[in-house]
Protein backbone atom coordinates (compact mmCIF):
# COMPACT_ATOMS: atom_id res chain seq x y z
CA UNK A 1 0.00 0.00 0.00
CA UNK A 2 1.39 3.42 -1.00
CA UNK A 3 1.52 5.99 1.79
CA UNK A 4 1.05 9.65 0.93
CA UNK A 5 4.37 11.34 0.38
CA UNK A 6 4.82 14.91 1.67
CA UNK A 7 7.32 15.80 -1.07
CA UNK A 8 4.94 14.54 -3.77
CA UNK A 9 2.06 16.51 -2.21
CA UNK A 10 4.06 19.75 -2.07
CA UNK A 11 5.19 19.30 -5.68
CA UNK A 12 1.64 18.70 -6.87
CA UNK A 13 0.38 21.73 -4.94
CA UNK A 14 3.08 23.93 -6.49
CA UNK A 15 2.09 22.82 -10.00
CA UNK A 16 -1.58 23.58 -9.29
CA UNK A 17 -0.82 27.05 -7.92
CA UNK A 18 1.43 27.89 -10.88
CA UNK A 19 -1.18 26.63 -13.34
CA UNK A 20 -3.93 28.68 -11.72
CA UNK A 21 -1.81 31.84 -11.80
CA UNK A 22 -1.02 31.30 -15.48
CA UNK A 23 -4.67 30.71 -16.36
CA UNK A 24 -5.83 33.94 -14.72
CA UNK A 25 -3.26 35.98 -16.66
CA UNK A 26 -4.09 34.42 -20.04
CA UNK A 27 -4.52 36.85 -22.92
CA UNK A 28 -7.67 37.08 -25.03
CA UNK A 29 -7.93 37.16 -28.81
CA UNK A 30 -9.49 40.42 -29.96
CA UNK A 31 -11.77 41.14 -32.92
CA UNK A 32 -8.66 42.33 -34.78
CA UNK A 33 -6.87 39.02 -34.00
CA UNK A 34 -4.48 40.74 -31.61
CA UNK A 35 -3.58 39.31 -28.24
CA UNK A 36 -4.59 41.51 -25.32
CA UNK A 37 -4.63 40.92 -21.60
CA UNK A 38 -8.07 41.27 -20.09
CA UNK A 39 -6.88 44.26 -18.04
CA UNK A 40 -6.06 46.13 -21.26
CA UNK A 41 -9.75 46.35 -22.27
CA UNK A 42 -11.24 48.46 -19.48
CA UNK A 43 -14.03 50.22 -21.44
CA UNK A 44 -17.22 48.28 -22.13
CA UNK A 45 -19.90 49.53 -24.54
CA UNK A 46 -23.11 47.47 -24.32
CA UNK A 47 -26.00 48.31 -26.62
CA UNK A 48 -29.48 46.79 -26.70
CA UNK A 49 -31.75 47.11 -29.74
CA UNK A 50 -35.52 46.67 -29.90
CA UNK A 51 -36.81 45.94 -33.41
CA UNK A 52 -39.70 47.78 -35.04
CA UNK A 53 -40.84 44.35 -36.26
CA UNK A 54 -39.91 42.01 -33.39
CA UNK A 55 -41.36 38.94 -35.11
CA UNK A 56 -39.18 39.42 -38.20
CA UNK A 57 -36.15 37.12 -38.18
CA UNK A 58 -35.07 38.78 -41.44
CA UNK A 59 -34.89 42.17 -39.72
CA UNK A 60 -33.08 40.65 -36.75
CA UNK A 61 -30.57 38.91 -39.00
CA UNK A 62 -29.99 42.10 -40.99
CA UNK A 63 -29.30 44.01 -37.76
CA UNK A 64 -26.94 41.28 -36.52
CA UNK A 65 -25.03 41.44 -39.81
CA UNK A 66 -24.86 45.22 -39.56
CA UNK A 67 -23.54 45.14 -36.00
CA UNK A 68 -20.85 42.66 -37.04
CA UNK A 69 -19.46 45.21 -39.53
CA UNK A 70 -18.40 47.32 -36.53
CA UNK A 71 -15.57 44.88 -35.80
CA UNK A 72 -13.67 46.45 -38.73
CA UNK A 73 -13.22 49.68 -36.74
CA UNK A 74 -9.60 49.75 -35.63
CA UNK A 75 -10.37 50.85 -32.06
CA UNK A 76 -12.77 47.95 -31.47
CA UNK A 77 -10.73 45.39 -29.55
CA UNK A 78 -13.46 42.81 -29.11
CA UNK A 79 -17.04 42.59 -30.37
CA UNK A 80 -19.77 40.18 -29.31
CA UNK A 81 -23.23 40.18 -30.90
CA UNK A 82 -26.12 38.45 -29.19
CA UNK A 83 -29.79 37.67 -29.43
CA UNK A 84 -32.15 36.92 -26.56
CA UNK A 85 -31.42 33.63 -24.82
CA UNK A 86 -34.23 31.26 -23.89
CA UNK A 87 -33.42 31.35 -20.19
CA UNK A 88 -35.71 31.04 -17.22
CA UNK A 89 -38.25 33.85 -16.98
CA UNK A 90 -37.61 35.78 -13.77
CA UNK A 91 -38.60 39.22 -12.54
CA UNK A 92 -35.01 40.52 -12.84
CA UNK A 93 -34.51 39.32 -16.44
CA UNK A 94 -35.33 41.73 -19.27
CA UNK A 95 -35.78 39.78 -22.48
CA UNK A 96 -37.76 42.44 -24.32
CA UNK A 97 -34.86 43.42 -26.61
CA UNK A 98 -33.88 41.63 -29.84
CA UNK A 99 -30.15 42.18 -30.50
CA UNK A 100 -27.26 43.19 -28.27
CA UNK A 101 -23.81 44.50 -29.08
CA UNK A 102 -20.95 44.23 -26.60
CA UNK A 103 -17.74 46.05 -27.51
CA UNK A 104 -14.49 46.35 -25.56
CA UNK A 105 -12.13 49.32 -25.99
CA UNK A 106 -8.67 49.98 -24.55
CA UNK A 107 -9.67 53.44 -23.31
CA UNK A 108 -12.25 56.22 -23.58
CA UNK A 109 -10.38 57.85 -26.48
CA UNK A 110 -10.78 54.62 -28.48
CA UNK A 111 -14.50 54.60 -27.71
CA UNK A 112 -14.76 58.23 -28.86
CA UNK A 113 -13.09 57.36 -32.19
CA UNK A 114 -15.64 54.57 -32.66
CA UNK A 115 -18.58 56.96 -32.18
CA UNK A 116 -17.65 59.13 -35.17
CA UNK A 117 -16.00 56.45 -37.30
CA UNK A 118 -17.38 56.21 -40.88
CA UNK A 119 -18.16 52.49 -40.44
CA UNK A 120 -20.25 53.24 -37.32
CA UNK A 121 -22.04 56.09 -39.08
CA UNK A 122 -22.69 53.84 -42.11
CA UNK A 123 -24.12 51.16 -39.79
CA UNK A 124 -26.53 53.72 -38.29
CA UNK A 125 -27.53 54.93 -41.77
CA UNK A 126 -28.11 51.38 -43.06
CA UNK A 127 -29.76 49.82 -40.02
CA UNK A 128 -31.54 52.50 -37.98
CA UNK A 129 -34.77 51.85 -39.86
CA UNK A 130 -34.83 48.39 -38.22
CA UNK A 131 -34.99 49.48 -34.59
CA UNK A 132 -37.55 51.40 -32.57
CA UNK A 133 -35.47 51.75 -29.41
CA UNK A 134 -31.80 51.62 -28.44
CA UNK A 135 -30.28 51.71 -24.95
CA UNK A 136 -26.54 52.08 -24.38
CA UNK A 137 -24.63 51.16 -21.24
CA UNK A 138 -21.01 52.32 -21.12
CA UNK A 139 -18.83 51.22 -18.21
CA UNK A 140 -15.22 51.37 -17.13
CA UNK A 141 -13.33 49.07 -14.78
CA UNK A 142 -13.96 49.86 -11.15
C-alpha atoms as a PDB file:
ATOM      1  CA  UNK A   1       0.000   0.000   0.000  1.00  0.00           C
ATOM      2  CA  UNK A   2       1.389   3.420  -0.999  1.00  0.00           C
ATOM      3  CA  UNK A   3       1.522   5.986   1.790  1.00  0.00           C
ATOM      4  CA  UNK A   4       1.051   9.653   0.933  1.00  0.00           C
ATOM      5  CA  UNK A   5       4.367  11.339   0.383  1.00  0.00           C
ATOM      6  CA  UNK A   6       4.824  14.911   1.672  1.00  0.00           C
ATOM      7  CA  UNK A   7       7.322  15.803  -1.075  1.00  0.00           C
ATOM      8  CA  UNK A   8       4.941  14.535  -3.769  1.00  0.00           C
ATOM      9  CA  UNK A   9       2.057  16.505  -2.207  1.00  0.00           C
ATOM     10  CA  UNK A  10       4.058  19.754  -2.067  1.00  0.00           C
ATOM     11  CA  UNK A  11       5.193  19.301  -5.682  1.00  0.00           C
ATOM     12  CA  UNK A  12       1.635  18.697  -6.872  1.00  0.00           C
ATOM     13  CA  UNK A  13       0.376  21.735  -4.941  1.00  0.00           C
ATOM     14  CA  UNK A  14       3.080  23.931  -6.487  1.00  0.00           C
ATOM     15  CA  UNK A  15       2.088  22.823  -9.999  1.00  0.00           C
ATOM     16  CA  UNK A  16      -1.578  23.582  -9.287  1.00  0.00           C
ATOM     17  CA  UNK A  17      -0.819  27.053  -7.920  1.00  0.00           C
ATOM     18  CA  UNK A  18       1.431  27.886 -10.880  1.00  0.00           C
ATOM     19  CA  UNK A  19      -1.181  26.627 -13.342  1.00  0.00           C
ATOM     20  CA  UNK A  20      -3.934  28.681 -11.721  1.00  0.00           C
ATOM     21  CA  UNK A  21      -1.808  31.841 -11.799  1.00  0.00           C
ATOM     22  CA  UNK A  22      -1.016  31.301 -15.476  1.00  0.00           C
ATOM     23  CA  UNK A  23      -4.675  30.715 -16.362  1.00  0.00           C
ATOM     24  CA  UNK A  24      -5.831  33.942 -14.720  1.00  0.00           C
ATOM     25  CA  UNK A  25      -3.265  35.981 -16.662  1.00  0.00           C
ATOM     26  CA  UNK A  26      -4.088  34.418 -20.035  1.00  0.00           C
ATOM     27  CA  UNK A  27      -4.516  36.852 -22.921  1.00  0.00           C
ATOM     28  CA  UNK A  28      -7.675  37.082 -25.031  1.00  0.00           C
ATOM     29  CA  UNK A  29      -7.928  37.158 -28.814  1.00  0.00           C
ATOM     30  CA  UNK A  30      -9.490  40.423 -29.963  1.00  0.00           C
ATOM     31  CA  UNK A  31     -11.770  41.140 -32.916  1.00  0.00           C
ATOM     32  CA  UNK A  32      -8.656  42.325 -34.778  1.00  0.00           C
ATOM     33  CA  UNK A  33      -6.871  39.021 -34.000  1.00  0.00           C
ATOM     34  CA  UNK A  34      -4.480  40.736 -31.612  1.00  0.00           C
ATOM     35  CA  UNK A  35      -3.579  39.307 -28.244  1.00  0.00           C
ATOM     36  CA  UNK A  36      -4.592  41.515 -25.318  1.00  0.00           C
ATOM     37  CA  UNK A  37      -4.625  40.917 -21.599  1.00  0.00           C
ATOM     38  CA  UNK A  38      -8.074  41.273 -20.092  1.00  0.00           C
ATOM     39  CA  UNK A  39      -6.880  44.257 -18.040  1.00  0.00           C
ATOM     40  CA  UNK A  40      -6.061  46.128 -21.259  1.00  0.00           C
ATOM     41  CA  UNK A  41      -9.747  46.346 -22.275  1.00  0.00           C
ATOM     42  CA  UNK A  42     -11.245  48.455 -19.483  1.00  0.00           C
ATOM     43  CA  UNK A  43     -14.030  50.219 -21.441  1.00  0.00           C
ATOM     44  CA  UNK A  44     -17.216  48.279 -22.132  1.00  0.00           C
ATOM     45  CA  UNK A  45     -19.897  49.528 -24.539  1.00  0.00           C
ATOM     46  CA  UNK A  46     -23.107  47.468 -24.318  1.00  0.00           C
ATOM     47  CA  UNK A  47     -26.005  48.309 -26.620  1.00  0.00           C
ATOM     48  CA  UNK A  48     -29.479  46.791 -26.695  1.00  0.00           C
ATOM     49  CA  UNK A  49     -31.752  47.105 -29.737  1.00  0.00           C
ATOM     50  CA  UNK A  50     -35.519  46.670 -29.902  1.00  0.00           C
ATOM     51  CA  UNK A  51     -36.806  45.943 -33.406  1.00  0.00           C
ATOM     52  CA  UNK A  52     -39.699  47.777 -35.043  1.00  0.00           C
ATOM     53  CA  UNK A  53     -40.843  44.354 -36.263  1.00  0.00           C
ATOM     54  CA  UNK A  54     -39.914  42.015 -33.389  1.00  0.00           C
ATOM     55  CA  UNK A  55     -41.359  38.943 -35.106  1.00  0.00           C
ATOM     56  CA  UNK A  56     -39.175  39.416 -38.195  1.00  0.00           C
ATOM     57  CA  UNK A  57     -36.152  37.120 -38.178  1.00  0.00           C
ATOM     58  CA  UNK A  58     -35.072  38.776 -41.443  1.00  0.00           C
ATOM     59  CA  UNK A  59     -34.888  42.166 -39.718  1.00  0.00           C
ATOM     60  CA  UNK A  60     -33.082  40.650 -36.746  1.00  0.00           C
ATOM     61  CA  UNK A  61     -30.569  38.910 -38.999  1.00  0.00           C
ATOM     62  CA  UNK A  62     -29.992  42.101 -40.992  1.00  0.00           C
ATOM     63  CA  UNK A  63     -29.301  44.012 -37.760  1.00  0.00           C
ATOM     64  CA  UNK A  64     -26.937  41.278 -36.520  1.00  0.00           C
ATOM     65  CA  UNK A  65     -25.034  41.444 -39.815  1.00  0.00           C
ATOM     66  CA  UNK A  66     -24.856  45.220 -39.562  1.00  0.00           C
ATOM     67  CA  UNK A  67     -23.541  45.135 -36.001  1.00  0.00           C
ATOM     68  CA  UNK A  68     -20.850  42.657 -37.037  1.00  0.00           C
ATOM     69  CA  UNK A  69     -19.464  45.206 -39.531  1.00  0.00           C
ATOM     70  CA  UNK A  70     -18.404  47.325 -36.529  1.00  0.00           C
ATOM     71  CA  UNK A  71     -15.567  44.880 -35.799  1.00  0.00           C
ATOM     72  CA  UNK A  72     -13.670  46.450 -38.725  1.00  0.00           C
ATOM     73  CA  UNK A  73     -13.224  49.681 -36.742  1.00  0.00           C
ATOM     74  CA  UNK A  74      -9.602  49.752 -35.628  1.00  0.00           C
ATOM     75  CA  UNK A  75     -10.368  50.848 -32.058  1.00  0.00           C
ATOM     76  CA  UNK A  76     -12.772  47.950 -31.468  1.00  0.00           C
ATOM     77  CA  UNK A  77     -10.728  45.389 -29.545  1.00  0.00           C
ATOM     78  CA  UNK A  78     -13.462  42.806 -29.112  1.00  0.00           C
ATOM     79  CA  UNK A  79     -17.039  42.587 -30.371  1.00  0.00           C
ATOM     80  CA  UNK A  80     -19.772  40.179 -29.314  1.00  0.00           C
ATOM     81  CA  UNK A  81     -23.230  40.178 -30.904  1.00  0.00           C
ATOM     82  CA  UNK A  82     -26.116  38.452 -29.189  1.00  0.00           C
ATOM     83  CA  UNK A  83     -29.786  37.669 -29.431  1.00  0.00           C
ATOM     84  CA  UNK A  84     -32.145  36.917 -26.561  1.00  0.00           C
ATOM     85  CA  UNK A  85     -31.420  33.631 -24.821  1.00  0.00           C
ATOM     86  CA  UNK A  86     -34.230  31.260 -23.887  1.00  0.00           C
ATOM     87  CA  UNK A  87     -33.425  31.347 -20.194  1.00  0.00           C
ATOM     88  CA  UNK A  88     -35.707  31.041 -17.219  1.00  0.00           C
ATOM     89  CA  UNK A  89     -38.253  33.849 -16.978  1.00  0.00           C
ATOM     90  CA  UNK A  90     -37.606  35.784 -13.775  1.00  0.00           C
ATOM     91  CA  UNK A  91     -38.598  39.224 -12.541  1.00  0.00           C
ATOM     92  CA  UNK A  92     -35.014  40.518 -12.843  1.00  0.00           C
ATOM     93  CA  UNK A  93     -34.509  39.323 -16.438  1.00  0.00           C
ATOM     94  CA  UNK A  94     -35.330  41.729 -19.269  1.00  0.00           C
ATOM     95  CA  UNK A  95     -35.780  39.783 -22.485  1.00  0.00           C
ATOM     96  CA  UNK A  96     -37.758  42.439 -24.322  1.00  0.00           C
ATOM     97  CA  UNK A  97     -34.857  43.422 -26.611  1.00  0.00           C
ATOM     98  CA  UNK A  98     -33.880  41.630 -29.836  1.00  0.00           C
ATOM     99  CA  UNK A  99     -30.147  42.179 -30.495  1.00  0.00           C
ATOM    100  CA  UNK A 100     -27.258  43.192 -28.271  1.00  0.00           C
ATOM    101  CA  UNK A 101     -23.811  44.498 -29.077  1.00  0.00           C
ATOM    102  CA  UNK A 102     -20.954  44.226 -26.599  1.00  0.00           C
ATOM    103  CA  UNK A 103     -17.740  46.051 -27.512  1.00  0.00           C
ATOM    104  CA  UNK A 104     -14.490  46.353 -25.560  1.00  0.00           C
ATOM    105  CA  UNK A 105     -12.135  49.321 -25.990  1.00  0.00           C
ATOM    106  CA  UNK A 106      -8.669  49.975 -24.554  1.00  0.00           C
ATOM    107  CA  UNK A 107      -9.668  53.441 -23.312  1.00  0.00           C
ATOM    108  CA  UNK A 108     -12.248  56.225 -23.577  1.00  0.00           C
ATOM    109  CA  UNK A 109     -10.381  57.846 -26.479  1.00  0.00           C
ATOM    110  CA  UNK A 110     -10.776  54.621 -28.482  1.00  0.00           C
ATOM    111  CA  UNK A 111     -14.496  54.601 -27.710  1.00  0.00           C
ATOM    112  CA  UNK A 112     -14.755  58.234 -28.861  1.00  0.00           C
ATOM    113  CA  UNK A 113     -13.085  57.360 -32.194  1.00  0.00           C
ATOM    114  CA  UNK A 114     -15.637  54.570 -32.656  1.00  0.00           C
ATOM    115  CA  UNK A 115     -18.581  56.957 -32.180  1.00  0.00           C
ATOM    116  CA  UNK A 116     -17.647  59.132 -35.167  1.00  0.00           C
ATOM    117  CA  UNK A 117     -15.998  56.452 -37.299  1.00  0.00           C
ATOM    118  CA  UNK A 118     -17.379  56.210 -40.883  1.00  0.00           C
ATOM    119  CA  UNK A 119     -18.164  52.487 -40.438  1.00  0.00           C
ATOM    120  CA  UNK A 120     -20.247  53.241 -37.320  1.00  0.00           C
ATOM    121  CA  UNK A 121     -22.045  56.093 -39.083  1.00  0.00           C
ATOM    122  CA  UNK A 122     -22.692  53.844 -42.106  1.00  0.00           C
ATOM    123  CA  UNK A 123     -24.118  51.164 -39.790  1.00  0.00           C
ATOM    124  CA  UNK A 124     -26.527  53.715 -38.294  1.00  0.00           C
ATOM    125  CA  UNK A 125     -27.525  54.928 -41.766  1.00  0.00           C
ATOM    126  CA  UNK A 126     -28.113  51.383 -43.058  1.00  0.00           C
ATOM    127  CA  UNK A 127     -29.762  49.816 -40.018  1.00  0.00           C
ATOM    128  CA  UNK A 128     -31.541  52.503 -37.976  1.00  0.00           C
ATOM    129  CA  UNK A 129     -34.771  51.848 -39.860  1.00  0.00           C
ATOM    130  CA  UNK A 130     -34.826  48.387 -38.225  1.00  0.00           C
ATOM    131  CA  UNK A 131     -34.991  49.476 -34.586  1.00  0.00           C
ATOM    132  CA  UNK A 132     -37.553  51.397 -32.566  1.00  0.00           C
ATOM    133  CA  UNK A 133     -35.474  51.755 -29.411  1.00  0.00           C
ATOM    134  CA  UNK A 134     -31.797  51.624 -28.437  1.00  0.00           C
ATOM    135  CA  UNK A 135     -30.284  51.708 -24.954  1.00  0.00           C
ATOM    136  CA  UNK A 136     -26.541  52.083 -24.380  1.00  0.00           C
ATOM    137  CA  UNK A 137     -24.629  51.164 -21.237  1.00  0.00           C
ATOM    138  CA  UNK A 138     -21.006  52.324 -21.116  1.00  0.00           C
ATOM    139  CA  UNK A 139     -18.827  51.215 -18.214  1.00  0.00           C
ATOM    140  CA  UNK A 140     -15.215  51.374 -17.131  1.00  0.00           C
ATOM    141  CA  UNK A 141     -13.332  49.066 -14.782  1.00  0.00           C
ATOM    142  CA  UNK A 142     -13.963  49.860 -11.146  1.00  0.00           C
END
